[in-house]
Amino acid sequence: MDSANQAVWYSFEITTRRWPQTICSVEHPQFNGRRLFFIADVPHLIQSLKSAFCRYDITTPDGRHSSAKHLKALIAHDESRDLKLAPNLKSNDIDSTYSQKIKASSALHVFSNMFGSSIEFMDRTGLLSAEGQKSALDTAWLNKTINRWFDLMSSRSFVQALSKFDVEKYNKSVSFLRSIITLSQTMQFGQGNWKPVQTGVILAINAILELAKEVLSNKLPFLLTSKLTQDCLENLFLTVRLKTATPSICEFWVGSESCANQLQRVF
């Protein structure tokens, strides 16, 4: 969602704003009758959502209010206990350091069904402060909702893939993704300033829904949305950047060459 990528989108007249219709594809420059789709990388989006959630309270028009204070309360509750409600969730998952910001795993620890269920349990058993209980269920709902959105947008198995083998399930998935578009259009972070991640979520969902419609209409059985992410490339970037946060061209080449040599030895 940086300015350079958005400049490329605008040069192709790709538009995604708060209310007007989203344009997420153009006529393919090489293949007549086909479309070239533009999509924001979903793992990047969930990282940005986590960063925004840790910084701002999130409100929606239906009165829901989600806050990272519940996340901090859960971490504090688990730190002193051997039996933890959310064992995967650690304090460094909400660190603002660069290495944590670029880890999708940290974002998935935050936006997980385990976190949502743990907050619901703390709410029922009175483990939250009176102030925290007011919006605990809203925070749990938001986390479970974003978790389901990510599962659909990065499916790696046929069970979660977009497919018309089960038309009712497919229609429910499409309806849910469209509801996330509405949520992204109307949710407010902090004082209500529009965030680039909201643009990215809307663009990504529209692109995947249009692409799925095209793919499935051409008699292909299903669409694994994980194939539309750049996980392999990001894993390489992460490995290199953990050695040097902002590598030069030479440092990057040495780091990536080292990764390639390690893979060759493994395989």
Protein backbone atom coordinates (compact mmCIF):
# COMPACT_ATOMS: atom_id res chain seq x y z
CA MET A 1 0.00 0.00 0.00
CA ASP A 2 2.96 2.36 -0.38
CA SER A 3 2.84 5.37 -2.68
CA ALA A 4 4.94 3.73 -5.41
CA ASN A 5 2.52 0.81 -5.80
CA GLN A 6 -0.51 3.08 -5.70
CA ALA A 7 1.07 5.25 -8.40
CA VAL A 8 1.28 2.17 -10.63
CA TRP A 9 -2.38 1.41 -9.98
CA TYR A 10 -3.42 4.94 -10.86
CA SER A 11 -1.39 4.82 -14.07
CA PHE A 12 -3.59 1.88 -15.10
CA GLU A 13 -6.70 3.75 -13.91
CA ILE A 14 -7.24 1.31 -11.06
CA THR A 15 -9.49 3.11 -8.58
CA THR A 16 -10.59 2.09 -5.11
CA ARG A 17 -12.20 4.70 -2.94
CA ARG A 18 -14.64 4.76 -0.09
CA TRP A 19 -17.94 4.63 -1.94
CA PRO A 20 -17.67 4.65 -5.77
CA GLN A 21 -17.41 1.41 -7.69
CA THR A 22 -14.01 -0.24 -7.56
CA ILE A 23 -12.09 -0.79 -10.80
CA CYS A 24 -9.59 -3.59 -10.14
CA SER A 25 -8.75 -4.85 -13.63
CA VAL A 26 -7.86 -3.66 -17.10
CA GLU A 27 -7.89 -5.24 -20.53
CA HIS A 28 -4.93 -7.61 -20.78
CA PRO A 29 -2.18 -6.09 -22.97
CA GLN A 30 -1.27 -9.46 -24.53
CA PHE A 31 -4.38 -11.65 -24.53
CA ASN A 32 -7.52 -10.34 -26.22
CA GLY A 33 -10.70 -10.83 -24.27
CA ARG A 34 -8.91 -11.39 -20.96
CA ARG A 35 -8.49 -9.11 -17.95
CA LEU A 36 -5.37 -8.21 -15.98
CA PHE A 37 -6.22 -8.00 -12.27
CA PHE A 38 -4.56 -5.83 -9.63
CA ILE A 39 -4.60 -7.02 -6.03
CA ALA A 40 -3.12 -5.85 -2.73
CA ASP A 41 -1.10 -8.59 -1.03
CA VAL A 42 -3.32 -10.12 1.67
CA PRO A 43 -0.52 -11.02 4.18
CA HIS A 44 0.64 -7.39 3.96
CA LEU A 45 -2.90 -6.23 4.62
CA ILE A 46 -3.31 -8.28 7.78
CA GLN A 47 0.03 -6.95 9.03
CA SER A 48 -1.23 -3.41 8.46
CA LEU A 49 -4.53 -4.23 10.16
CA LYS A 50 -2.65 -5.50 13.20
CA SER A 51 -0.52 -2.35 13.38
CA ALA A 52 -3.61 -0.15 13.10
CA PHE A 53 -5.51 -2.22 15.69
CA CYS A 54 -2.64 -1.93 18.18
CA ARG A 55 -2.56 1.87 17.72
CA TYR A 56 -6.23 2.83 17.42
CA ASP A 57 -9.60 1.79 18.74
CA ILE A 58 -11.89 0.59 15.94
CA THR A 59 -15.55 1.59 15.76
CA THR A 60 -18.31 0.59 13.33
CA PRO A 61 -21.65 2.28 12.50
CA ASP A 62 -23.61 -0.44 14.33
CA GLY A 63 -22.03 0.66 17.61
CA ARG A 64 -19.28 -1.95 17.95
CA HIS A 65 -16.10 -0.74 19.63
CA SER A 66 -12.94 -2.87 19.51
CA SER A 67 -9.79 -2.08 21.44
CA ALA A 68 -6.27 -3.47 21.82
CA LYS A 69 -6.63 -3.09 25.60
CA HIS A 70 -8.32 -6.50 25.59
CA LEU A 71 -5.32 -7.92 23.77
CA LYS A 72 -3.00 -6.48 26.42
CA ALA A 73 -5.27 -7.75 29.22
CA LEU A 74 -5.15 -11.28 27.80
CA ILE A 75 -1.35 -11.19 27.47
CA ALA A 76 -1.02 -9.91 31.06
CA HIS A 77 -3.38 -12.65 32.31
CA ASP A 78 -1.38 -15.42 30.60
CA GLU A 79 2.12 -14.20 31.49
CA SER A 80 1.99 -15.46 35.08
CA ARG A 81 0.21 -18.76 34.34
CA ASP A 82 1.37 -22.14 33.12
CA LEU A 83 -2.05 -22.95 31.66
CA LYS A 84 -2.68 -20.13 29.21
CA LEU A 85 -5.87 -19.12 27.45
CA ALA A 86 -3.97 -18.15 24.29
CA PRO A 87 -0.54 -19.85 24.37
CA ASN A 88 0.41 -18.63 20.88
CA LEU A 89 -0.08 -14.98 21.79
CA LYS A 90 3.08 -13.29 23.12
CA SER A 91 3.89 -9.77 24.21
CA ASN A 92 6.28 -9.30 21.27
CA ASP A 93 3.35 -9.84 18.89
CA ILE A 94 2.29 -6.26 19.64
CA ASP A 95 5.81 -4.78 19.54
CA SER A 96 6.28 -1.85 17.18
CA THR A 97 9.75 -3.01 16.09
CA TYR A 98 10.34 -3.46 12.37
CA SER A 99 10.99 -7.22 12.61
CA GLN A 100 7.62 -7.78 14.31
CA LYS A 101 5.69 -5.49 11.97
CA ILE A 102 6.72 -7.53 8.92
CA LYS A 103 5.82 -10.90 10.45
CA ALA A 104 2.46 -12.18 9.27
CA SER A 105 2.62 -14.79 12.04
CA SER A 106 2.36 -12.05 14.69
CA ALA A 107 -0.72 -10.65 12.98
CA LEU A 108 -2.29 -14.12 12.84
CA HIS A 109 -1.67 -14.56 16.57
CA VAL A 110 -3.62 -11.35 17.16
CA PHE A 111 -6.44 -12.02 14.67
CA SER A 112 -7.23 -15.57 15.69
CA ASN A 113 -10.25 -17.53 16.84
CA MET A 114 -8.23 -18.45 19.93
CA PHE A 115 -7.87 -14.79 20.91
CA GLY A 116 -11.55 -14.11 20.26
CA SER A 117 -12.68 -17.14 22.29
CA SER A 118 -10.28 -16.25 25.12
CA ILE A 119 -11.70 -12.73 25.37
CA GLU A 120 -15.24 -14.17 25.44
CA PHE A 121 -14.19 -16.52 28.26
CA MET A 122 -12.61 -13.65 30.24
CA ASP A 123 -15.79 -11.63 29.76
CA ARG A 124 -18.02 -14.47 31.03
CA THR A 125 -15.83 -15.27 34.04
CA GLY A 126 -15.24 -11.68 35.16
CA LEU A 127 -11.50 -11.68 34.45
CA LEU A 128 -11.75 -8.31 32.72
CA SER A 129 -12.12 -4.96 34.45
CA ALA A 130 -15.54 -3.33 34.39
CA GLU A 131 -14.29 -0.87 31.78
CA GLY A 132 -12.86 -3.66 29.65
CA GLN A 133 -16.08 -5.68 29.70
CA LYS A 134 -18.02 -2.96 27.91
CA SER A 135 -16.51 -3.76 24.50
CA ALA A 136 -14.87 -7.16 25.04
CA LEU A 137 -17.37 -9.05 22.89
CA ASP A 138 -16.96 -6.46 20.11
CA THR A 139 -13.20 -7.07 20.11
CA ALA A 140 -13.76 -10.83 20.03
CA TRP A 141 -16.18 -10.45 17.12
CA LEU A 142 -13.73 -8.31 15.13
CA ASN A 143 -10.88 -10.77 15.63
CA LYS A 144 -12.92 -13.76 14.55
CA THR A 145 -14.26 -11.83 11.56
CA ILE A 146 -10.81 -10.81 10.33
CA ASN A 147 -9.56 -14.36 10.93
CA ARG A 148 -12.29 -15.78 8.69
CA TRP A 149 -11.62 -13.11 6.06
CA PHE A 150 -7.92 -14.04 5.99
CA ASP A 151 -8.71 -17.76 5.72
CA LEU A 152 -10.89 -17.15 2.66
CA MET A 153 -8.39 -14.75 1.09
CA SER A 154 -5.40 -17.08 1.51
CA SER A 155 -6.92 -20.56 1.19
CA ARG A 156 -4.43 -23.39 0.79
CA SER A 157 -6.84 -26.34 0.74
CA PHE A 158 -9.92 -27.30 -1.22
CA VAL A 159 -12.04 -27.06 1.96
CA GLN A 160 -11.56 -23.27 2.11
CA ALA A 161 -11.13 -22.64 -1.61
CA LEU A 162 -13.71 -20.70 -3.63
CA SER A 163 -15.57 -23.40 -5.54
CA LYS A 164 -19.07 -24.04 -6.91
CA PHE A 165 -19.08 -27.71 -6.01
CA ASP A 166 -21.16 -26.58 -3.04
CA VAL A 167 -23.10 -23.60 -4.39
CA GLU A 168 -24.63 -22.71 -1.03
CA LYS A 169 -21.21 -22.61 0.64
CA TYR A 170 -19.82 -20.56 -2.25
CA ASN A 171 -22.64 -18.02 -2.02
CA LYS A 172 -22.12 -17.71 1.75
CA SER A 173 -18.40 -17.06 1.22
CA VAL A 174 -19.10 -14.42 -1.42
CA SER A 175 -21.72 -12.78 0.79
CA PHE A 176 -19.31 -12.73 3.72
CA LEU A 177 -16.52 -11.16 1.63
CA ARG A 178 -18.93 -8.49 0.39
CA SER A 179 -19.84 -7.75 4.01
CA ILE A 180 -16.13 -7.15 4.71
CA ILE A 181 -16.10 -4.59 1.90
CA THR A 182 -18.93 -2.76 3.66
CA LEU A 183 -17.12 -3.09 6.99
CA SER A 184 -13.93 -1.62 5.50
CA GLN A 185 -15.87 1.27 3.98
CA THR A 186 -17.54 2.20 7.26
CA MET A 187 -15.13 1.25 10.06
CA GLN A 188 -13.18 4.04 11.73
CA PHE A 189 -9.71 3.92 13.23
CA GLY A 190 -9.25 6.37 16.10
CA GLN A 191 -10.63 9.75 15.07
CA GLY A 192 -11.95 8.39 11.79
CA ASN A 193 -9.15 9.12 9.34
CA TRP A 194 -9.20 6.86 6.27
CA LYS A 195 -6.34 4.35 6.29
CA PRO A 196 -4.57 2.90 3.22
CA VAL A 197 -5.25 -0.62 4.53
CA GLN A 198 -8.98 -0.01 4.05
CA THR A 199 -8.33 0.74 0.38
CA GLY A 200 -6.22 -2.41 0.10
CA VAL A 201 -8.87 -4.67 1.65
CA ILE A 202 -11.57 -3.34 -0.68
CA LEU A 203 -9.34 -3.73 -3.76
CA ALA A 204 -8.20 -7.24 -2.80
CA ILE A 205 -11.72 -8.56 -2.17
CA ASN A 206 -13.14 -7.08 -5.37
CA ALA A 207 -10.26 -8.47 -7.42
CA ILE A 208 -10.59 -11.97 -5.95
CA LEU A 209 -14.37 -12.06 -6.40
CA GLU A 210 -14.10 -10.98 -10.04
CA LEU A 211 -11.23 -13.36 -10.70
CA ALA A 212 -13.09 -16.25 -9.04
CA LYS A 213 -16.13 -15.54 -11.19
CA GLU A 214 -13.98 -15.64 -14.32
CA VAL A 215 -12.00 -18.73 -13.29
CA LEU A 216 -15.03 -20.77 -12.21
CA SER A 217 -17.01 -19.81 -15.32
CA ASN A 218 -14.21 -21.33 -17.43
CA LYS A 219 -14.94 -24.75 -15.91
CA LEU A 220 -11.99 -24.73 -13.51
CA PRO A 221 -13.02 -26.51 -10.29
CA PHE A 222 -11.79 -24.11 -7.61
CA LEU A 223 -9.57 -21.14 -6.81
CA LEU A 224 -6.88 -21.36 -4.12
CA THR A 225 -6.52 -17.73 -3.13
CA SER A 226 -3.13 -18.36 -1.50
CA LYS A 227 -1.74 -18.57 -5.05
CA LEU A 228 -2.46 -14.83 -5.37
CA THR A 229 -0.15 -13.84 -2.50
CA GLN A 230 3.61 -13.30 -2.60
CA ASP A 231 4.46 -15.41 0.45
CA CYS A 232 7.52 -17.05 -1.12
CA LEU A 233 9.03 -13.70 -2.02
CA GLU A 234 8.24 -12.23 1.39
CA ASN A 235 9.84 -15.18 3.18
CA LEU A 236 13.04 -14.43 1.28
CA PHE A 237 12.81 -10.72 2.11
CA LEU A 238 12.21 -11.49 5.79
CA THR A 239 15.25 -13.78 5.97
CA VAL A 240 17.48 -11.13 4.41
CA ARG A 241 16.08 -8.25 6.48
CA LEU A 242 16.49 -10.09 9.75
CA LYS A 243 20.24 -9.90 9.04
CA THR A 244 20.15 -6.28 7.82
CA ALA A 245 16.98 -4.20 8.19
CA THR A 246 17.70 -2.00 5.16
CA PRO A 247 20.23 -3.91 3.03
CA SER A 248 22.16 -2.42 0.16
CA ILE A 249 22.04 -4.16 -3.23
CA CYS A 250 25.25 -6.06 -2.44
CA GLU A 251 24.05 -7.07 1.04
CA PHE A 252 20.73 -8.23 -0.35
CA TRP A 253 22.43 -10.27 -3.07
CA VAL A 254 24.72 -11.98 -0.57
CA GLY A 255 21.81 -12.68 1.78
CA SER A 256 19.53 -14.06 -0.94
CA GLU A 257 22.38 -16.14 -2.41
CA SER A 258 22.99 -17.62 1.06
CA CYS A 259 19.31 -18.56 1.32
CA ALA A 260 19.40 -20.21 -2.09
CA ASN A 261 22.49 -22.23 -1.14
CA GLN A 262 20.79 -23.41 2.06
CA LEU A 263 17.75 -24.56 0.07
CA GLN A 264 19.97 -26.46 -2.37
CA ARG A 265 21.62 -28.32 0.52
CA VAL A 266 18.23 -29.22 1.97
CA PHE A 267 16.79 -30.52 -1.29
